């Protein structure tokens, strides 16, 4: 878990980027969902202020809920679940792109948004 708080920056993808990625048929709904949490200047300032003031508490609460990678992997193996993209016949590049952009289709702010906003999502996904 991060000892120092993440510092968020504004989202850089435009509506044009989202339309190119999801096509004209789906892009309107994706944009509508993403706009509800898009990291614009005001949201970045508000969230960075909250993270600055509350980071030790947030970090501790998240740490208390985390399961180790070994525990998750052992549980999935015991259940006979797939563990890698190849196990479900997904191309690695497709899997990486799906993880990098999954956050765009829902209006809830999640750890993917925190990782993307702080510039570490791509590194984290590549490490999987």
N, C-alpha and C. Protein backbone atom coordinates (compact mmCIF):
# COMPACT_ATOMS: atom_id res chain seq x y z
N UNK A 1 0.85 -1.19 0.00
CA UNK A 1 0.00 0.00 0.00
C UNK A 1 0.88 1.23 0.00
N UNK A 2 0.46 2.24 -0.66
CA UNK A 2 1.22 3.47 -0.77
C UNK A 2 1.36 4.18 0.58
N UNK A 3 2.58 4.52 0.92
CA UNK A 3 2.81 5.30 2.13
C UNK A 3 2.49 6.77 1.88
N UNK A 4 2.86 7.26 0.71
CA UNK A 4 2.57 8.65 0.37
C UNK A 4 1.30 8.70 -0.46
N UNK A 5 0.55 9.73 -0.26
CA UNK A 5 -0.74 9.83 -0.94
C UNK A 5 -0.57 10.05 -2.44
N UNK A 6 -1.49 9.52 -3.22
CA UNK A 6 -1.46 9.80 -4.65
C UNK A 6 -1.85 11.25 -4.91
N UNK A 7 -1.33 11.80 -5.98
CA UNK A 7 -1.70 13.14 -6.42
C UNK A 7 -2.36 12.99 -7.78
N UNK A 8 -3.60 13.41 -7.86
CA UNK A 8 -4.38 13.23 -9.07
C UNK A 8 -4.20 14.39 -10.04
N UNK A 9 -4.34 14.07 -11.33
CA UNK A 9 -4.32 15.07 -12.39
C UNK A 9 -5.60 14.91 -13.21
N UNK A 10 -5.91 15.91 -14.00
CA UNK A 10 -7.13 15.88 -14.81
C UNK A 10 -7.08 14.75 -15.84
N UNK A 11 -8.27 14.19 -16.13
CA UNK A 11 -8.38 13.20 -17.19
C UNK A 11 -8.06 13.86 -18.52
N UNK A 12 -7.39 13.12 -19.37
CA UNK A 12 -6.96 13.69 -20.65
C UNK A 12 -7.80 13.21 -21.84
N UNK A 13 -8.60 12.16 -21.65
CA UNK A 13 -9.35 11.67 -22.80
C UNK A 13 -10.54 12.58 -23.08
N UNK A 14 -10.68 12.89 -24.33
CA UNK A 14 -11.77 13.76 -24.77
C UNK A 14 -12.96 12.92 -25.22
N UNK A 15 -14.06 13.58 -25.45
CA UNK A 15 -15.22 12.88 -26.00
C UNK A 15 -14.87 12.25 -27.35
N UNK A 16 -14.04 12.92 -28.12
CA UNK A 16 -13.59 12.38 -29.41
C UNK A 16 -12.83 11.08 -29.21
N UNK A 17 -11.96 11.03 -28.18
CA UNK A 17 -11.22 9.80 -27.87
C UNK A 17 -12.18 8.67 -27.51
N UNK A 18 -13.17 8.99 -26.68
CA UNK A 18 -14.13 7.96 -26.26
C UNK A 18 -14.97 7.48 -27.44
N UNK A 19 -15.35 8.39 -28.33
CA UNK A 19 -16.11 8.00 -29.51
C UNK A 19 -15.27 7.10 -30.41
N UNK A 20 -14.00 7.42 -30.56
CA UNK A 20 -13.11 6.58 -31.38
C UNK A 20 -12.97 5.18 -30.77
N UNK A 21 -12.94 5.10 -29.45
CA UNK A 21 -12.74 3.82 -28.78
C UNK A 21 -14.02 2.98 -28.77
N UNK A 22 -15.19 3.59 -28.55
CA UNK A 22 -16.42 2.84 -28.36
C UNK A 22 -17.39 2.89 -29.54
N UNK A 23 -17.09 3.74 -30.51
CA UNK A 23 -17.95 3.85 -31.68
C UNK A 23 -19.13 4.77 -31.45
N UNK A 24 -19.71 5.22 -32.54
CA UNK A 24 -20.78 6.22 -32.44
C UNK A 24 -22.02 5.67 -31.76
N UNK A 25 -22.27 4.38 -31.85
CA UNK A 25 -23.47 3.81 -31.26
C UNK A 25 -23.41 3.78 -29.72
N UNK A 26 -22.25 3.50 -29.15
CA UNK A 26 -22.12 3.38 -27.69
C UNK A 26 -21.54 4.62 -27.01
N UNK A 27 -20.88 5.45 -27.76
CA UNK A 27 -20.12 6.53 -27.13
C UNK A 27 -20.98 7.50 -26.32
N UNK A 28 -22.18 7.78 -26.74
CA UNK A 28 -23.02 8.73 -26.00
C UNK A 28 -23.27 8.24 -24.57
N UNK A 29 -23.56 6.95 -24.42
CA UNK A 29 -23.81 6.42 -23.08
C UNK A 29 -22.52 6.35 -22.27
N UNK A 30 -21.41 6.03 -22.91
CA UNK A 30 -20.12 6.00 -22.21
C UNK A 30 -19.76 7.41 -21.73
N UNK A 31 -19.91 8.38 -22.59
CA UNK A 31 -19.60 9.78 -22.22
C UNK A 31 -20.49 10.23 -21.07
N UNK A 32 -21.76 9.89 -21.12
CA UNK A 32 -22.69 10.27 -20.05
C UNK A 32 -22.26 9.67 -18.71
N UNK A 33 -21.89 8.40 -18.71
CA UNK A 33 -21.42 7.75 -17.48
C UNK A 33 -20.11 8.35 -17.00
N UNK A 34 -19.16 8.49 -17.90
CA UNK A 34 -17.82 8.95 -17.54
C UNK A 34 -17.84 10.41 -17.06
N UNK A 35 -18.69 11.22 -17.66
CA UNK A 35 -18.78 12.63 -17.26
C UNK A 35 -19.17 12.80 -15.79
N UNK A 36 -19.88 11.84 -15.24
CA UNK A 36 -20.31 11.93 -13.85
C UNK A 36 -19.14 11.84 -12.87
N UNK A 37 -18.01 11.34 -13.34
CA UNK A 37 -16.85 11.22 -12.44
C UNK A 37 -15.55 11.72 -13.09
N UNK A 38 -15.64 12.23 -14.29
CA UNK A 38 -14.44 12.68 -15.00
C UNK A 38 -13.64 13.63 -14.12
N UNK A 39 -12.33 13.41 -14.08
CA UNK A 39 -11.46 14.24 -13.25
C UNK A 39 -11.16 15.54 -13.97
N UNK A 40 -12.02 16.53 -13.74
CA UNK A 40 -11.77 17.87 -14.26
C UNK A 40 -11.01 18.66 -13.18
N UNK A 41 -10.71 19.89 -13.44
CA UNK A 41 -9.90 20.68 -12.51
C UNK A 41 -10.53 20.76 -11.12
N UNK A 42 -11.82 21.04 -11.06
CA UNK A 42 -12.50 21.17 -9.77
C UNK A 42 -12.46 19.86 -8.99
N UNK A 43 -12.77 18.75 -9.65
CA UNK A 43 -12.76 17.45 -8.97
C UNK A 43 -11.35 17.08 -8.51
N UNK A 44 -10.37 17.36 -9.34
CA UNK A 44 -8.98 17.07 -8.97
C UNK A 44 -8.60 17.85 -7.72
N UNK A 45 -8.92 19.12 -7.70
CA UNK A 45 -8.60 19.95 -6.53
C UNK A 45 -9.30 19.42 -5.28
N UNK A 46 -10.59 19.12 -5.40
CA UNK A 46 -11.36 18.60 -4.25
C UNK A 46 -10.80 17.27 -3.76
N UNK A 47 -10.56 16.35 -4.69
CA UNK A 47 -10.05 15.04 -4.29
C UNK A 47 -8.64 15.13 -3.72
N UNK A 48 -7.79 15.93 -4.32
CA UNK A 48 -6.44 16.07 -3.78
C UNK A 48 -6.46 16.67 -2.37
N UNK A 49 -7.37 17.62 -2.14
CA UNK A 49 -7.52 18.17 -0.78
C UNK A 49 -7.97 17.10 0.20
N UNK A 50 -8.95 16.29 -0.20
CA UNK A 50 -9.43 15.22 0.67
C UNK A 50 -8.35 14.18 0.91
N UNK A 51 -7.64 13.80 -0.14
CA UNK A 51 -6.56 12.82 0.03
C UNK A 51 -5.47 13.35 0.94
N UNK A 52 -5.15 14.61 0.79
CA UNK A 52 -4.13 15.23 1.63
C UNK A 52 -4.54 15.21 3.10
N UNK A 53 -5.77 15.54 3.35
CA UNK A 53 -6.25 15.63 4.74
C UNK A 53 -6.51 14.25 5.37
N UNK A 54 -6.87 13.27 4.55
CA UNK A 54 -7.33 11.99 5.10
C UNK A 54 -6.51 10.78 4.69
N UNK A 55 -5.37 10.98 4.03
CA UNK A 55 -4.66 9.84 3.47
C UNK A 55 -4.30 8.76 4.48
N UNK A 56 -3.76 9.08 5.66
CA UNK A 56 -3.44 7.98 6.59
C UNK A 56 -4.65 7.12 6.94
N UNK A 57 -5.79 7.75 7.16
CA UNK A 57 -7.01 6.99 7.47
C UNK A 57 -7.47 6.16 6.27
N UNK A 58 -7.46 6.76 5.09
CA UNK A 58 -7.86 6.04 3.88
C UNK A 58 -6.94 4.85 3.66
N UNK A 59 -5.64 5.08 3.74
CA UNK A 59 -4.64 4.02 3.53
C UNK A 59 -4.88 2.87 4.52
N UNK A 60 -5.12 3.20 5.78
CA UNK A 60 -5.31 2.17 6.80
C UNK A 60 -6.60 1.38 6.56
N UNK A 61 -7.66 2.06 6.16
CA UNK A 61 -8.93 1.37 5.91
C UNK A 61 -8.81 0.44 4.70
N UNK A 62 -8.15 0.91 3.66
CA UNK A 62 -7.97 0.07 2.48
C UNK A 62 -7.05 -1.11 2.81
N UNK A 63 -5.97 -0.86 3.51
CA UNK A 63 -5.03 -1.93 3.89
C UNK A 63 -5.72 -3.02 4.70
N UNK A 64 -6.64 -2.63 5.58
CA UNK A 64 -7.34 -3.60 6.41
C UNK A 64 -8.24 -4.52 5.57
N UNK A 65 -8.68 -4.03 4.42
CA UNK A 65 -9.58 -4.81 3.57
C UNK A 65 -8.86 -5.60 2.48
N UNK A 66 -7.58 -5.33 2.28
CA UNK A 66 -6.85 -5.97 1.19
C UNK A 66 -6.55 -7.43 1.48
N UNK A 67 -6.63 -8.24 0.46
CA UNK A 67 -6.16 -9.62 0.52
C UNK A 67 -4.85 -9.69 -0.25
N UNK A 68 -3.98 -10.54 0.19
CA UNK A 68 -2.70 -10.69 -0.51
C UNK A 68 -2.93 -11.35 -1.87
N UNK A 69 -2.00 -11.10 -2.76
CA UNK A 69 -2.06 -11.73 -4.09
C UNK A 69 -2.05 -13.24 -3.95
N UNK A 70 -1.23 -13.74 -3.04
CA UNK A 70 -1.14 -15.19 -2.82
C UNK A 70 -2.49 -15.76 -2.36
N UNK A 71 -3.18 -15.06 -1.48
CA UNK A 71 -4.48 -15.52 -0.99
C UNK A 71 -5.51 -15.53 -2.12
N UNK A 72 -5.54 -14.49 -2.90
CA UNK A 72 -6.49 -14.42 -4.02
C UNK A 72 -6.19 -15.52 -5.02
N UNK A 73 -4.93 -15.69 -5.36
CA UNK A 73 -4.55 -16.72 -6.33
C UNK A 73 -4.89 -18.11 -5.81
N UNK A 74 -4.60 -18.39 -4.54
CA UNK A 74 -4.91 -19.70 -3.95
C UNK A 74 -6.41 -19.97 -3.96
N UNK A 75 -7.20 -18.96 -3.66
CA UNK A 75 -8.65 -19.11 -3.65
C UNK A 75 -9.17 -19.39 -5.06
N UNK A 76 -8.67 -18.64 -6.04
CA UNK A 76 -9.09 -18.88 -7.42
C UNK A 76 -8.69 -20.27 -7.89
N UNK A 77 -7.47 -20.68 -7.57
CA UNK A 77 -7.01 -22.03 -7.95
C UNK A 77 -7.88 -23.10 -7.32
N UNK A 78 -8.19 -22.93 -6.02
CA UNK A 78 -9.02 -23.92 -5.32
C UNK A 78 -10.40 -24.02 -5.95
N UNK A 79 -10.89 -22.93 -6.49
CA UNK A 79 -12.21 -22.92 -7.13
C UNK A 79 -12.14 -23.37 -8.59
N UNK A 80 -10.92 -23.60 -9.09
CA UNK A 80 -10.77 -24.00 -10.49
C UNK A 80 -10.99 -22.85 -11.46
N UNK A 81 -10.84 -21.63 -10.97
CA UNK A 81 -11.06 -20.45 -11.81
C UNK A 81 -9.82 -20.14 -12.65
N UNK A 82 -10.01 -19.52 -13.79
CA UNK A 82 -8.86 -19.11 -14.61
C UNK A 82 -8.08 -18.01 -13.90
N UNK A 83 -6.76 -17.96 -14.16
CA UNK A 83 -5.89 -16.99 -13.50
C UNK A 83 -5.26 -15.98 -14.44
N UNK A 84 -5.22 -16.28 -15.70
CA UNK A 84 -4.54 -15.40 -16.65
C UNK A 84 -5.46 -15.13 -17.84
N UNK A 85 -5.18 -14.08 -18.58
CA UNK A 85 -5.96 -13.84 -19.80
C UNK A 85 -5.92 -15.04 -20.75
N UNK A 86 -4.77 -15.68 -20.85
CA UNK A 86 -4.65 -16.83 -21.74
C UNK A 86 -5.56 -17.97 -21.31
N UNK A 87 -5.81 -18.09 -20.00
CA UNK A 87 -6.68 -19.15 -19.50
C UNK A 87 -8.11 -19.01 -20.02
N UNK A 88 -8.50 -17.81 -20.42
CA UNK A 88 -9.84 -17.60 -20.99
C UNK A 88 -9.75 -17.18 -22.46
N UNK A 89 -8.61 -17.50 -23.04
CA UNK A 89 -8.37 -17.30 -24.47
C UNK A 89 -8.45 -15.84 -24.90
N UNK A 90 -7.93 -14.95 -24.04
CA UNK A 90 -7.85 -13.54 -24.39
C UNK A 90 -6.43 -13.18 -24.78
N UNK A 91 -6.32 -12.42 -25.83
CA UNK A 91 -5.04 -11.87 -26.23
C UNK A 91 -4.57 -10.89 -25.16
N UNK A 92 -3.30 -10.94 -24.82
CA UNK A 92 -2.75 -10.07 -23.76
C UNK A 92 -3.00 -8.59 -24.06
N UNK A 93 -2.81 -8.16 -25.30
CA UNK A 93 -3.00 -6.75 -25.66
C UNK A 93 -4.46 -6.33 -25.44
N UNK A 94 -5.39 -7.20 -25.80
CA UNK A 94 -6.81 -6.90 -25.59
C UNK A 94 -7.10 -6.77 -24.10
N UNK A 95 -6.55 -7.67 -23.29
CA UNK A 95 -6.73 -7.65 -21.84
C UNK A 95 -6.19 -6.36 -21.23
N UNK A 96 -5.00 -5.95 -21.64
CA UNK A 96 -4.40 -4.71 -21.14
C UNK A 96 -5.29 -3.52 -21.49
N UNK A 97 -5.73 -3.43 -22.74
CA UNK A 97 -6.59 -2.33 -23.15
C UNK A 97 -7.91 -2.32 -22.36
N UNK A 98 -8.47 -3.50 -22.12
CA UNK A 98 -9.71 -3.59 -21.34
C UNK A 98 -9.51 -3.05 -19.93
N UNK A 99 -8.41 -3.41 -19.30
CA UNK A 99 -8.14 -2.91 -17.94
C UNK A 99 -7.87 -1.41 -17.93
N UNK A 100 -7.17 -0.92 -18.92
CA UNK A 100 -6.86 0.51 -18.97
C UNK A 100 -8.10 1.38 -19.17
N UNK A 101 -9.10 0.83 -19.85
CA UNK A 101 -10.27 1.65 -20.20
C UNK A 101 -11.56 1.22 -19.52
N UNK A 102 -11.53 0.20 -18.71
CA UNK A 102 -12.75 -0.30 -18.04
C UNK A 102 -13.41 0.79 -17.20
N UNK A 103 -12.65 1.65 -16.63
CA UNK A 103 -13.18 2.69 -15.74
C UNK A 103 -14.05 3.70 -16.48
N UNK A 104 -13.93 3.76 -17.78
CA UNK A 104 -14.65 4.77 -18.56
C UNK A 104 -16.14 4.47 -18.71
N UNK A 105 -16.54 3.23 -18.51
CA UNK A 105 -17.92 2.85 -18.83
C UNK A 105 -18.87 2.89 -17.64
N UNK A 106 -18.36 3.17 -16.45
CA UNK A 106 -19.21 3.24 -15.25
C UNK A 106 -19.03 4.59 -14.58
N UNK A 107 -20.06 5.04 -13.88
CA UNK A 107 -19.98 6.35 -13.24
C UNK A 107 -19.44 6.32 -11.82
N UNK A 108 -19.12 5.13 -11.30
CA UNK A 108 -18.56 5.04 -9.95
C UNK A 108 -17.06 5.26 -9.97
N UNK A 109 -16.57 6.01 -8.98
CA UNK A 109 -15.14 6.25 -8.83
C UNK A 109 -14.56 5.05 -8.08
N UNK A 110 -13.60 4.38 -8.71
CA UNK A 110 -13.01 3.17 -8.12
C UNK A 110 -11.50 3.30 -8.05
N UNK A 111 -10.88 2.24 -7.60
CA UNK A 111 -9.42 2.20 -7.51
C UNK A 111 -8.80 2.37 -8.89
N UNK A 112 -9.49 1.96 -9.95
CA UNK A 112 -8.97 2.17 -11.30
C UNK A 112 -8.88 3.66 -11.62
N UNK A 113 -9.87 4.42 -11.17
CA UNK A 113 -9.84 5.87 -11.38
C UNK A 113 -8.73 6.52 -10.57
N UNK A 114 -8.55 6.07 -9.35
CA UNK A 114 -7.47 6.59 -8.51
C UNK A 114 -6.11 6.28 -9.15
N UNK A 115 -5.94 5.07 -9.63
CA UNK A 115 -4.67 4.68 -10.26
C UNK A 115 -4.45 5.45 -11.56
N UNK A 116 -5.49 5.60 -12.37
CA UNK A 116 -5.34 6.35 -13.62
C UNK A 116 -5.05 7.82 -13.34
N UNK A 117 -5.80 8.40 -12.41
CA UNK A 117 -5.63 9.81 -12.10
C UNK A 117 -4.29 10.15 -11.50
N UNK A 118 -3.67 9.17 -10.85
CA UNK A 118 -2.35 9.40 -10.25
C UNK A 118 -1.22 8.92 -11.16
N UNK A 119 -1.55 8.43 -12.34
CA UNK A 119 -0.54 8.07 -13.33
C UNK A 119 0.11 6.72 -13.15
N UNK A 120 -0.48 5.83 -12.34
CA UNK A 120 0.16 4.53 -12.13
C UNK A 120 -0.59 3.36 -12.74
N UNK A 121 -1.77 3.59 -13.31
CA UNK A 121 -2.57 2.49 -13.83
C UNK A 121 -1.83 1.67 -14.88
N UNK A 122 -1.24 2.36 -15.84
CA UNK A 122 -0.57 1.63 -16.93
C UNK A 122 0.55 0.74 -16.40
N UNK A 123 1.33 1.25 -15.48
CA UNK A 123 2.42 0.46 -14.88
C UNK A 123 1.86 -0.74 -14.13
N UNK A 124 0.79 -0.50 -13.38
CA UNK A 124 0.19 -1.60 -12.60
C UNK A 124 -0.36 -2.68 -13.54
N UNK A 125 -1.03 -2.29 -14.60
CA UNK A 125 -1.61 -3.25 -15.52
C UNK A 125 -0.51 -4.04 -16.22
N UNK A 126 0.56 -3.39 -16.61
CA UNK A 126 1.66 -4.09 -17.28
C UNK A 126 2.32 -5.12 -16.35
N UNK A 127 2.25 -4.86 -15.04
CA UNK A 127 2.87 -5.78 -14.06
C UNK A 127 2.04 -7.03 -13.80
N UNK A 128 0.78 -7.03 -14.25
CA UNK A 128 -0.09 -8.21 -14.00
C UNK A 128 0.34 -9.39 -14.83
